[in-house]
Amino acid sequence: MRTLIKFSIIVLFISALTMSCSKDESLTDLDKIEIELSTFAQSNNITKCSIWELSNDAHYQVIEASAFKFSNGFISVYNSIEYRYNLLYLYNYRVDNNNVLVLEFVRN
């Protein structure tokens, strides 16, 4: 009987260990984009962001080199007022020569 109890405890311990080490695969696309951009900005020590919008044949800059933060799938950019952009509409991102994160959004 003691052997059965010891075996049960070992099995419970191993199953608890494997469950606690498994990744949470329930991240949405929005979560993945936010994590990727946030990690990219932190690893490149980026503190400013410029926003470009793509609309049909037009491509124009809306915000230039402003402070930003990521939250709940949005990027908040602070110019004279706060602008929020949904990261699901992000088309492209890059870093320019001045170490500013350039985000290009598709405008619908």
PDB file of N, CA and C in Angstrom:
ATOM      1  N   MET A   1       0.823  -1.191   0.000  1.00  0.00           N
ATOM      2  CA  MET A   1       0.000   0.000   0.000  1.00  0.00           C
ATOM      3  C   MET A   1       0.869   1.257   0.000  1.00  0.00           C
ATOM      4  N   ARG A   2       1.982   1.218   0.762  1.00  0.00           N
ATOM      5  CA  ARG A   2       2.873   2.375   0.805  1.00  0.00           C
ATOM      6  C   ARG A   2       3.508   2.623  -0.553  1.00  0.00           C
ATOM      7  N   THR A   3       3.812   1.592  -1.260  1.00  0.00           N
ATOM      8  CA  THR A   3       4.406   1.725  -2.580  1.00  0.00           C
ATOM      9  C   THR A   3       3.435   2.424  -3.526  1.00  0.00           C
ATOM     10  N   LEU A   4       2.180   2.073  -3.438  1.00  0.00           N
ATOM     11  CA  LEU A   4       1.151   2.704  -4.276  1.00  0.00           C
ATOM     12  C   LEU A   4       1.021   4.192  -3.946  1.00  0.00           C
ATOM     13  N   ILE A   5       1.068   4.549  -2.701  1.00  0.00           N
ATOM     14  CA  ILE A   5       0.973   5.951  -2.273  1.00  0.00           C
ATOM     15  C   ILE A   5       2.198   6.728  -2.756  1.00  0.00           C
ATOM     16  N   LYS A   6       3.392   6.146  -2.597  1.00  0.00           N
ATOM     17  CA  LYS A   6       4.610   6.803  -3.069  1.00  0.00           C
ATOM     18  C   LYS A   6       4.569   7.007  -4.585  1.00  0.00           C
ATOM     19  N   PHE A   7       4.125   5.979  -5.290  1.00  0.00           N
ATOM     20  CA  PHE A   7       4.028   6.059  -6.748  1.00  0.00           C
ATOM     21  C   PHE A   7       3.033   7.148  -7.159  1.00  0.00           C
ATOM     22  N   SER A   8       1.911   7.225  -6.477  1.00  0.00           N
ATOM     23  CA  SER A   8       0.892   8.241  -6.777  1.00  0.00           C
ATOM     24  C   SER A   8       1.432   9.647  -6.546  1.00  0.00           C
ATOM     25  N   ILE A   9       2.176   9.823  -5.476  1.00  0.00           N
ATOM     26  CA  ILE A   9       2.757  11.135  -5.173  1.00  0.00           C
ATOM     27  C   ILE A   9       3.774  11.531  -6.246  1.00  0.00           C
ATOM     28  N   ILE A  10       4.571  10.572  -6.666  1.00  0.00           N
ATOM     29  CA  ILE A  10       5.563  10.847  -7.710  1.00  0.00           C
ATOM     30  C   ILE A  10       4.871  11.220  -9.020  1.00  0.00           C
ATOM     31  N   VAL A  11       3.841  10.504  -9.380  1.00  0.00           N
ATOM     32  CA  VAL A  11       3.101  10.807 -10.611  1.00  0.00           C
ATOM     33  C   VAL A  11       2.457  12.189 -10.527  1.00  0.00           C
ATOM     34  N   LEU A  12       1.875  12.527  -9.396  1.00  0.00           N
ATOM     35  CA  LEU A  12       1.277  13.853  -9.216  1.00  0.00           C
ATOM     36  C   LEU A  12       2.335  14.951  -9.312  1.00  0.00           C
ATOM     37  N   PHE A  13       3.485  14.723  -8.713  1.00  0.00           N
ATOM     38  CA  PHE A  13       4.564  15.698  -8.754  1.00  0.00           C
ATOM     39  C   PHE A  13       5.041  15.923 -10.187  1.00  0.00           C
ATOM     40  N   ILE A  14       5.256  14.839 -10.912  1.00  0.00           N
ATOM     41  CA  ILE A  14       5.726  14.942 -12.298  1.00  0.00           C
ATOM     42  C   ILE A  14       4.679  15.617 -13.180  1.00  0.00           C
ATOM     43  N   SER A  15       3.414  15.287 -13.004  1.00  0.00           N
ATOM     44  CA  SER A  15       2.366  15.916 -13.826  1.00  0.00           C
ATOM     45  C   SER A  15       2.238  17.403 -13.488  1.00  0.00           C
ATOM     46  N   ALA A  16       2.369  17.766 -12.224  1.00  0.00           N
ATOM     47  CA  ALA A  16       2.320  19.183 -11.844  1.00  0.00           C
ATOM     48  C   ALA A  16       3.506  19.932 -12.427  1.00  0.00           C
ATOM     49  N   LEU A  17       4.663  19.304 -12.427  1.00  0.00           N
ATOM     50  CA  LEU A  17       5.863  19.915 -12.972  1.00  0.00           C
ATOM     51  C   LEU A  17       5.742  20.137 -14.475  1.00  0.00           C
ATOM     52  N   THR A  18       5.261  19.166 -15.194  1.00  0.00           N
ATOM     53  CA  THR A  18       5.128  19.307 -16.647  1.00  0.00           C
ATOM     54  C   THR A  18       4.050  20.308 -17.026  1.00  0.00           C
ATOM     55  N   MET A  19       2.989  20.385 -16.250  1.00  0.00           N
ATOM     56  CA  MET A  19       1.911  21.347 -16.549  1.00  0.00           C
ATOM     57  C   MET A  19       2.375  22.774 -16.270  1.00  0.00           C
ATOM     58  N   SER A  20       3.183  22.974 -15.251  1.00  0.00           N
ATOM     59  CA  SER A  20       3.636  24.322 -14.918  1.00  0.00           C
ATOM     60  C   SER A  20       4.687  24.818 -15.907  1.00  0.00           C
ATOM     61  N   CYS A  21       5.369  23.928 -16.597  1.00  0.00           N
ATOM     62  CA  CYS A  21       6.404  24.316 -17.547  1.00  0.00           C
ATOM     63  C   CYS A  21       5.878  24.472 -18.970  1.00  0.00           C
ATOM     64  N   SER A  22       4.647  24.114 -19.221  1.00  0.00           N
ATOM     65  CA  SER A  22       4.124  24.212 -20.578  1.00  0.00           C
ATOM     66  C   SER A  22       3.780  25.655 -20.906  1.00  0.00           C
ATOM     67  N   LYS A  23       3.947  26.023 -22.189  1.00  0.00           N
ATOM     68  CA  LYS A  23       3.657  27.374 -22.643  1.00  0.00           C
ATOM     69  C   LYS A  23       2.160  27.590 -22.747  1.00  0.00           C
ATOM     70  N   ASP A  24       1.782  28.845 -22.594  1.00  0.00           N
ATOM     71  CA  ASP A  24       0.385  29.213 -22.791  1.00  0.00           C
ATOM     72  C   ASP A  24       0.197  29.518 -24.275  1.00  0.00           C
ATOM     73  N   GLU A  25      -0.465  28.658 -24.983  1.00  0.00           N
ATOM     74  CA  GLU A  25      -0.665  28.797 -26.417  1.00  0.00           C
ATOM     75  C   GLU A  25      -1.910  29.603 -26.751  1.00  0.00           C
ATOM     76  N   SER A  26      -2.483  30.273 -25.761  1.00  0.00           N
ATOM     77  CA  SER A  26      -3.722  30.992 -26.002  1.00  0.00           C
ATOM     78  C   SER A  26      -3.484  32.457 -26.365  1.00  0.00           C
ATOM     79  N   LEU A  27      -2.284  32.812 -26.791  1.00  0.00           N
ATOM     80  CA  LEU A  27      -2.017  34.187 -27.195  1.00  0.00           C
ATOM     81  C   LEU A  27      -2.706  34.482 -28.521  1.00  0.00           C
ATOM     82  N   THR A  28      -3.330  35.640 -28.596  1.00  0.00           N
ATOM     83  CA  THR A  28      -3.970  36.057 -29.842  1.00  0.00           C
ATOM     84  C   THR A  28      -2.926  36.688 -30.762  1.00  0.00           C
ATOM     85  N   ASP A  29      -3.304  36.920 -32.013  1.00  0.00           N
ATOM     86  CA  ASP A  29      -2.402  37.580 -32.946  1.00  0.00           C
ATOM     87  C   ASP A  29      -2.020  38.964 -32.428  1.00  0.00           C
ATOM     88  N   LEU A  30      -2.982  39.640 -31.854  1.00  0.00           N
ATOM     89  CA  LEU A  30      -2.749  40.965 -31.298  1.00  0.00           C
ATOM     90  C   LEU A  30      -1.720  40.921 -30.176  1.00  0.00           C
ATOM     91  N   ASP A  31      -1.833  39.932 -29.302  1.00  0.00           N
ATOM     92  CA  ASP A  31      -0.866  39.764 -28.212  1.00  0.00           C
ATOM     93  C   ASP A  31       0.538  39.494 -28.764  1.00  0.00           C
ATOM     94  N   LYS A  32       0.615  38.645 -29.776  1.00  0.00           N
ATOM     95  CA  LYS A  32       1.911  38.303 -30.366  1.00  0.00           C
ATOM     96  C   LYS A  32       2.560  39.520 -31.013  1.00  0.00           C
ATOM     97  N   ILE A  33       1.773  40.333 -31.714  1.00  0.00           N
ATOM     98  CA  ILE A  33       2.302  41.544 -32.349  1.00  0.00           C
ATOM     99  C   ILE A  33       2.809  42.511 -31.294  1.00  0.00           C
ATOM    100  N   GLU A  34       2.016  42.710 -30.248  1.00  0.00           N
ATOM    101  CA  GLU A  34       2.405  43.630 -29.175  1.00  0.00           C
ATOM    102  C   GLU A  34       3.694  43.173 -28.494  1.00  0.00           C
ATOM    103  N   ILE A  35       3.811  41.889 -28.215  1.00  0.00           N
ATOM    104  CA  ILE A  35       5.012  41.349 -27.575  1.00  0.00           C
ATOM    105  C   ILE A  35       6.223  41.523 -28.486  1.00  0.00           C
ATOM    106  N   GLU A  36       6.053  41.229 -29.773  1.00  0.00           N
ATOM    107  CA  GLU A  36       7.160  41.351 -30.718  1.00  0.00           C
ATOM    108  C   GLU A  36       7.646  42.800 -30.819  1.00  0.00           C
ATOM    109  N   LEU A  37       6.713  43.743 -30.964  1.00  0.00           N
ATOM    110  CA  LEU A  37       7.097  45.150 -31.083  1.00  0.00           C
ATOM    111  C   LEU A  37       7.724  45.679 -29.794  1.00  0.00           C
ATOM    112  N   SER A  38       7.141  45.322 -28.687  1.00  0.00           N
ATOM    113  CA  SER A  38       7.656  45.773 -27.394  1.00  0.00           C
ATOM    114  C   SER A  38       9.062  45.235 -27.162  1.00  0.00           C
ATOM    115  N   THR A  39       9.293  43.979 -27.462  1.00  0.00           N
ATOM    116  CA  THR A  39      10.620  43.373 -27.324  1.00  0.00           C
ATOM    117  C   THR A  39      11.616  44.027 -28.274  1.00  0.00           C
ATOM    118  N   PHE A  40      11.174  44.267 -29.506  1.00  0.00           N
ATOM    119  CA  PHE A  40      12.028  44.914 -30.507  1.00  0.00           C
ATOM    120  C   PHE A  40      12.437  46.309 -30.047  1.00  0.00           C
ATOM    121  N   ALA A  41      11.486  47.091 -29.551  1.00  0.00           N
ATOM    122  CA  ALA A  41      11.769  48.451 -29.095  1.00  0.00           C
ATOM    123  C   ALA A  41      12.709  48.441 -27.889  1.00  0.00           C
ATOM    124  N   GLN A  42      12.470  47.541 -26.947  1.00  0.00           N
ATOM    125  CA  GLN A  42      13.325  47.475 -25.757  1.00  0.00           C
ATOM    126  C   GLN A  42      14.735  47.018 -26.097  1.00  0.00           C
ATOM    127  N   SER A  43      14.852  46.019 -26.956  1.00  0.00           N
ATOM    128  CA  SER A  43      16.180  45.486 -27.284  1.00  0.00           C
ATOM    129  C   SER A  43      17.008  46.477 -28.097  1.00  0.00           C
ATOM    130  N   ASN A  44      16.349  47.383 -28.826  1.00  0.00           N
ATOM    131  CA  ASN A  44      17.063  48.398 -29.604  1.00  0.00           C
ATOM    132  C   ASN A  44      17.082  49.759 -28.906  1.00  0.00           C
ATOM    133  N   ASN A  45      16.617  49.801 -27.654  1.00  0.00           N
ATOM    134  CA  ASN A  45      16.599  51.022 -26.848  1.00  0.00           C
ATOM    135  C   ASN A  45      15.900  52.174 -27.577  1.00  0.00           C
ATOM    136  N   ILE A  46      14.729  51.884 -28.112  1.00  0.00           N
ATOM    137  CA  ILE A  46      13.952  52.868 -28.869  1.00  0.00           C
ATOM    138  C   ILE A  46      12.945  53.540 -27.947  1.00  0.00           C
ATOM    139  N   THR A  47      12.933  54.870 -27.970  1.00  0.00           N
ATOM    140  CA  THR A  47      12.018  55.627 -27.109  1.00  0.00           C
ATOM    141  C   THR A  47      11.072  56.526 -27.899  1.00  0.00           C
ATOM    142  N   LYS A  48      11.300  56.661 -29.195  1.00  0.00           N
ATOM    143  CA  LYS A  48      10.457  57.523 -30.040  1.00  0.00           C
ATOM    144  C   LYS A  48       9.888  56.707 -31.191  1.00  0.00           C
ATOM    145  N   CYS A  49       8.755  57.184 -31.696  1.00  0.00           N
ATOM    146  CA  CYS A  49       8.049  56.455 -32.741  1.00  0.00           C
ATOM    147  C   CYS A  49       7.448  57.441 -33.748  1.00  0.00           C
ATOM    148  N   SER A  50       7.480  57.070 -35.012  1.00  0.00           N
ATOM    149  CA  SER A  50       6.816  57.830 -36.068  1.00  0.00           C
ATOM    150  C   SER A  50       5.743  56.941 -36.689  1.00  0.00           C
ATOM    151  N   ILE A  51       4.620  57.549 -37.039  1.00  0.00           N
ATOM    152  CA  ILE A  51       3.500  56.808 -37.618  1.00  0.00           C
ATOM    153  C   ILE A  51       3.278  57.264 -39.058  1.00  0.00           C
ATOM    154  N   TRP A  52       3.198  56.286 -39.943  1.00  0.00           N
ATOM    155  CA  TRP A  52       2.847  56.527 -41.338  1.00  0.00           C
ATOM    156  C   TRP A  52       1.545  55.799 -41.627  1.00  0.00           C
ATOM    157  N   GLU A  53       0.720  56.368 -42.483  1.00  0.00           N
ATOM    158  CA  GLU A  53      -0.527  55.726 -42.894  1.00  0.00           C
ATOM    159  C   GLU A  53      -0.508  55.468 -44.395  1.00  0.00           C
ATOM    160  N   LEU A  54      -0.978  54.281 -44.761  1.00  0.00           N
ATOM    161  CA  LEU A  54      -1.107  53.895 -46.168  1.00  0.00           C
ATOM    162  C   LEU A  54      -2.589  53.876 -46.509  1.00  0.00           C
ATOM    163  N   SER A  55      -2.957  54.631 -47.527  1.00  0.00           N
ATOM    164  CA  SER A  55      -4.355  54.695 -47.929  1.00  0.00           C
ATOM    165  C   SER A  55      -4.425  54.744 -49.444  1.00  0.00           C
ATOM    166  N   ASN A  56      -4.949  53.695 -50.053  1.00  0.00           N
ATOM    167  CA  ASN A  56      -4.998  53.582 -51.521  1.00  0.00           C
ATOM    168  C   ASN A  56      -3.622  53.848 -52.113  1.00  0.00           C
ATOM    169  N   ASP A  57      -3.440  54.950 -52.807  1.00  0.00           N
ATOM    170  CA  ASP A  57      -2.145  55.258 -53.420  1.00  0.00           C
ATOM    171  C   ASP A  57      -1.319  56.227 -52.587  1.00  0.00           C
ATOM    172  N   ALA A  58      -1.864  56.709 -51.494  1.00  0.00           N
ATOM    173  CA  ALA A  58      -1.170  57.701 -50.678  1.00  0.00           C
ATOM    174  C   ALA A  58      -0.402  57.040 -49.531  1.00  0.00           C
ATOM    175  N   HIS A  59       0.724  57.636 -49.199  1.00  0.00           N
ATOM    176  CA  HIS A  59       1.573  57.169 -48.108  1.00  0.00           C
ATOM    177  C   HIS A  59       2.097  58.426 -47.426  1.00  0.00           C
ATOM    178  N   TYR A  60       1.612  58.702 -46.220  1.00  0.00           N
ATOM    179  CA  TYR A  60       1.983  59.960 -45.588  1.00  0.00           C
ATOM    180  C   TYR A  60       2.242  59.780 -44.098  1.00  0.00           C
ATOM    181  N   GLN A  61       3.102  60.681 -43.592  1.00  0.00           N
ATOM    182  CA  GLN A  61       3.480  60.637 -42.181  1.00  0.00           C
ATOM    183  C   GLN A  61       2.464  61.422 -41.361  1.00  0.00           C
ATOM    184  N   VAL A  62       1.983  60.799 -40.292  1.00  0.00           N
ATOM    185  CA  VAL A  62       0.991  61.423 -39.418  1.00  0.00           C
ATOM    186  C   VAL A  62       1.651  61.985 -38.168  1.00  0.00           C
ATOM    187  N   ILE A  63       2.562  61.230 -37.581  1.00  0.00           N
ATOM    188  CA  ILE A  63       3.236  61.622 -36.341  1.00  0.00           C
ATOM    189  C   ILE A  63       4.727  61.381 -36.507  1.00  0.00           C
ATOM    190  N   GLU A  64       5.518  62.316 -36.013  1.00  0.00           N
ATOM    191  CA  GLU A  64       6.961  62.188 -36.163  1.00  0.00           C
ATOM    192  C   GLU A  64       7.664  62.189 -34.810  1.00  0.00           C
ATOM    193  N   ALA A  65       8.440  61.159 -34.549  1.00  0.00           N
ATOM    194  CA  ALA A  65       9.329  61.033 -33.389  1.00  0.00           C
ATOM    195  C   ALA A  65       8.682  61.455 -32.069  1.00  0.00           C
ATOM    196  N   SER A  66       7.653  60.730 -31.674  1.00  0.00           N
ATOM    197  CA  SER A  66       6.944  61.015 -30.426  1.00  0.00           C
ATOM    198  C   SER A  66       7.078  59.847 -29.464  1.00  0.00           C
ATOM    199  N   ALA A  67       6.844  60.132 -28.189  1.00  0.00           N
ATOM    200  CA  ALA A  67       6.856  59.081 -27.168  1.00  0.00           C
ATOM    201  C   ALA A  67       5.699  58.118 -27.415  1.00  0.00           C
ATOM    202  N   PHE A  68       5.860  56.866 -26.986  1.00  0.00           N
ATOM    203  CA  PHE A  68       4.830  55.856 -27.231  1.00  0.00           C
ATOM    204  C   PHE A  68       4.835  54.811 -26.139  1.00  0.00           C
ATOM    205  N   LYS A  69       3.725  54.042 -26.107  1.00  0.00           N
ATOM    206  CA  LYS A  69       3.657  52.865 -25.239  1.00  0.00           C
ATOM    207  C   LYS A  69       2.648  51.888 -25.839  1.00  0.00           C
ATOM    208  N   PHE A  70       2.826  50.614 -25.504  1.00  0.00           N
ATOM    209  CA  PHE A  70       1.928  49.564 -25.970  1.00  0.00           C
ATOM    210  C   PHE A  70       0.989  49.170 -24.843  1.00  0.00           C
ATOM    211  N   SER A  71      -0.281  48.933 -25.198  1.00  0.00           N
ATOM    212  CA  SER A  71      -1.249  48.520 -24.195  1.00  0.00           C
ATOM    213  C   SER A  71      -2.474  47.901 -24.852  1.00  0.00           C
ATOM    214  N   ASN A  72      -2.790  46.679 -24.479  1.00  0.00           N
ATOM    215  CA  ASN A  72      -4.000  45.983 -24.935  1.00  0.00           C
ATOM    216  C   ASN A  72      -4.168  45.961 -26.449  1.00  0.00           C
ATOM    217  N   GLY A  73      -3.085  45.720 -27.171  1.00  0.00           N
ATOM    218  CA  GLY A  73      -3.177  45.604 -28.622  1.00  0.00           C
ATOM    219  C   GLY A  73      -3.173  46.932 -29.350  1.00  0.00           C
ATOM    220  N   PHE A  74      -2.914  48.011 -28.663  1.00  0.00           N
ATOM    221  CA  PHE A  74      -2.846  49.340 -29.259  1.00  0.00           C
ATOM    222  C   PHE A  74      -1.487  49.952 -28.970  1.00  0.00           C
ATOM    223  N   ILE A  75      -1.088  50.871 -29.824  1.00  0.00           N
ATOM    224  CA  ILE A  75       0.059  51.711 -29.517  1.00  0.00           C
ATOM    225  C   ILE A  75      -0.492  53.108 -29.277  1.00  0.00           C
ATOM    226  N   SER A  76      -0.116  53.687 -28.165  1.00  0.00           N
ATOM    227  CA  SER A  76      -0.512  55.060 -27.839  1.00  0.00           C
ATOM    228  C   SER A  76       0.686  55.950 -28.114  1.00  0.00           C
ATOM    229  N   VAL A  77       0.454  56.963 -28.952  1.00  0.00           N
ATOM    230  CA  VAL A  77       1.513  57.888 -29.337  1.00  0.00           C
ATOM    231  C   VAL A  77       1.136  59.260 -28.813  1.00  0.00           C
ATOM    232  N   TYR A  78       2.095  59.901 -28.149  1.00  0.00           N
ATOM    233  CA  TYR A  78       1.824  61.191 -27.522  1.00  0.00           C
ATOM    234  C   TYR A  78       2.457  62.308 -28.334  1.00  0.00           C
ATOM    235  N   ASN A  79       1.628  63.084 -28.967  1.00  0.00           N
ATOM    236  CA  ASN A  79       2.057  64.303 -29.642  1.00  0.00           C
ATOM    237  C   ASN A  79       1.489  65.427 -28.802  1.00  0.00           C
ATOM    238  N   SER A  80       0.811  66.374 -29.347  1.00  0.00           N
ATOM    239  CA  SER A  80       0.127  67.364 -28.508  1.00  0.00           C
ATOM    240  C   SER A  80      -1.079  66.712 -27.821  1.00  0.00           C
ATOM    241  N   ILE A  81      -1.621  65.663 -28.451  1.00  0.00           N
ATOM    242  CA  ILE A  81      -2.673  64.848 -27.849  1.00  0.00           C
ATOM    243  C   ILE A  81      -2.290  63.384 -28.016  1.00  0.00           C
ATOM    244  N   GLU A  82      -3.053  62.509 -27.406  1.00  0.00           N
ATOM    245  CA  GLU A  82      -2.757  61.073 -27.490  1.00  0.00           C
ATOM    246  C   GLU A  82      -3.516  60.447 -28.653  1.00  0.00           C
ATOM    247  N   TYR A  83      -2.799  59.727 -29.494  1.00  0.00           N
ATOM    248  CA  TYR A  83      -3.387  58.975 -30.598  1.00  0.00           C
ATOM    249  C   TYR A  83      -3.211  57.495 -30.293  1.00  0.00           C
ATOM    250  N   ARG A  84      -4.203  56.694 -30.660  1.00  0.00           N
ATOM    251  CA  ARG A  84      -4.109  55.240 -30.473  1.00  0.00           C
ATOM    252  C   ARG A  84      -4.320  54.549 -31.813  1.00  0.00           C
ATOM    253  N   TYR A  85      -3.448  53.581 -32.070  1.00  0.00           N
ATOM    254  CA  TYR A  85      -3.529  52.804 -33.305  1.00  0.00           C
ATOM    255  C   TYR A  85      -3.644  51.327 -32.952  1.00  0.00           C
ATOM    256  N   ASN A  86      -4.567  50.650 -33.610  1.00  0.00           N
ATOM    257  CA  ASN A  86      -4.779  49.223 -33.430  1.00  0.00           C
ATOM    258  C   ASN A  86      -3.656  48.471 -34.144  1.00  0.00           C
ATOM    259  N   LEU A  87      -2.949  47.625 -33.415  1.00  0.00           N
ATOM    260  CA  LEU A  87      -1.808  46.916 -33.980  1.00  0.00           C
ATOM    261  C   LEU A  87      -2.204  45.882 -35.040  1.00  0.00           C
ATOM    262  N   LEU A  88      -3.473  45.539 -35.123  1.00  0.00           N
ATOM    263  CA  LEU A  88      -3.906  44.612 -36.178  1.00  0.00           C
ATOM    264  C   LEU A  88      -3.809  45.237 -37.565  1.00  0.00           C
ATOM    265  N   TYR A  89      -3.770  46.561 -37.632  1.00  0.00           N
ATOM    266  CA  TYR A  89      -3.673  47.256 -38.913  1.00  0.00           C
ATOM    267  C   TYR A  89      -2.230  47.627 -39.255  1.00  0.00           C
ATOM    268  N   LEU A  90      -1.276  47.114 -38.499  1.00  0.00           N
ATOM    269  CA  LEU A  90       0.133  47.380 -38.756  1.00  0.00           C
ATOM    270  C   LEU A  90       0.557  46.661 -40.030  1.00  0.00           C
ATOM    271  N   TYR A  91       1.140  47.409 -40.931  1.00  0.00           N
ATOM    272  CA  TYR A  91       1.590  46.853 -42.211  1.00  0.00           C
ATOM    273  C   TYR A  91       3.079  46.509 -42.169  1.00  0.00           C
ATOM    274  N   ASN A  92       3.863  47.393 -41.565  1.00  0.00           N
ATOM    275  CA  ASN A  92       5.308  47.223 -41.565  1.00  0.00           C
ATOM    276  C   ASN A  92       5.904  48.027 -40.407  1.00  0.00           C
ATOM    277  N   TYR A  93       7.074  47.624 -39.945  1.00  0.00           N
ATOM    278  CA  TYR A  93       7.799  48.432 -38.975  1.00  0.00           C
ATOM    279  C   TYR A  93       9.289  48.314 -39.235  1.00  0.00           C
ATOM    280  N   ARG A  94      10.002  49.374 -38.838  1.00  0.00           N
ATOM    281  CA  ARG A  94      11.454  49.424 -39.035  1.00  0.00           C
ATOM    282  C   ARG A  94      12.038  50.493 -38.128  1.00  0.00           C
ATOM    283  N   VAL A  95      13.340  50.592 -38.109  1.00  0.00           N
ATOM    284  CA  VAL A  95      14.027  51.635 -37.351  1.00  0.00           C
ATOM    285  C   VAL A  95      14.728  52.536 -38.361  1.00  0.00           C
ATOM    286  N   ASP A  96      14.542  53.851 -38.213  1.00  0.00           N
ATOM    287  CA  ASP A  96      15.225  54.762 -39.129  1.00  0.00           C
ATOM    288  C   ASP A  96      16.624  55.096 -38.612  1.00  0.00           C
ATOM    289  N   ASN A  97      17.326  55.983 -39.297  1.00  0.00           N
ATOM    290  CA  ASN A  97      18.711  56.318 -38.951  1.00  0.00           C
ATOM    291  C   ASN A  97      18.851  57.009 -37.603  1.00  0.00           C
ATOM    292  N   ASN A  98      17.775  57.626 -37.096  1.00  0.00           N
ATOM    293  CA  ASN A  98      17.815  58.332 -35.825  1.00  0.00           C
ATOM    294  C   ASN A  98      17.349  57.471 -34.658  1.00  0.00           C
ATOM    295  N   ASN A  99      17.301  56.159 -34.860  1.00  0.00           N
ATOM    296  CA  ASN A  99      16.830  55.199 -33.860  1.00  0.00           C
ATOM    297  C   ASN A  99      15.385  55.481 -33.424  1.00  0.00           C
ATOM    298  N   VAL A 100      14.547  55.799 -34.393  1.00  0.00           N
ATOM    299  CA  VAL A 100      13.114  56.024 -34.182  1.00  0.00           C
ATOM    300  C   VAL A 100      12.374  54.855 -34.811  1.00  0.00           C
ATOM    301  N   LEU A 101      11.440  54.294 -34.074  1.00  0.00           N
ATOM    302  CA  LEU A 101      10.615  53.205 -34.585  1.00  0.00           C
ATOM    303  C   LEU A 101       9.604  53.779 -35.567  1.00  0.00           C
ATOM    304  N   VAL A 102       9.615  53.286 -36.792  1.00  0.00           N
ATOM    305  CA  VAL A 102       8.687  53.748 -37.823  1.00  0.00           C
ATOM    306  C   VAL A 102       7.642  52.658 -38.035  1.00  0.00           C
ATOM    307  N   LEU A 103       6.384  52.998 -37.787  1.00  0.00           N
ATOM    308  CA  LEU A 103       5.278  52.061 -37.946  1.00  0.00           C
ATOM    309  C   LEU A 103       4.405  52.517 -39.102  1.00  0.00           C
ATOM    310  N   GLU A 104       4.080  51.593 -39.992  1.00  0.00           N
ATOM    311  CA  GLU A 104       3.218  51.898 -41.128  1.00  0.00           C
ATOM    312  C   GLU A 104       1.903  51.150 -40.948  1.00  0.00           C
ATOM    313  N   PHE A 105       0.815  51.899 -40.909  1.00  0.00           N
ATOM    314  CA  PHE A 105      -0.506  51.340 -40.717  1.00  0.00           C
ATOM    315  C   PHE A 105      -1.348  51.474 -41.973  1.00  0.00           C
ATOM    316  N   VAL A 106      -2.155  50.472 -42.245  1.00  0.00           N
ATOM    317  CA  VAL A 106      -3.099  50.529 -43.350  1.00  0.00           C
ATOM    318  C   VAL A 106      -4.335  51.258 -42.840  1.00  0.00           C
ATOM    319  N   ARG A 107      -4.739  52.263 -43.568  1.00  0.00           N
ATOM    320  CA  ARG A 107      -5.915  53.032 -43.188  1.00  0.00           C
ATOM    321  C   ARG A 107      -7.106  52.512 -43.964  1.00  0.00           C
ATOM    322  N   ASN A 108      -8.187  52.217 -43.258  1.00  0.00           N
ATOM    323  CA  ASN A 108      -9.373  51.704 -43.951  1.00  0.00           C
ATOM    324  C   ASN A 108     -10.464  52.728 -43.965  1.00  0.00           C
TER     325      ASN A 108
END
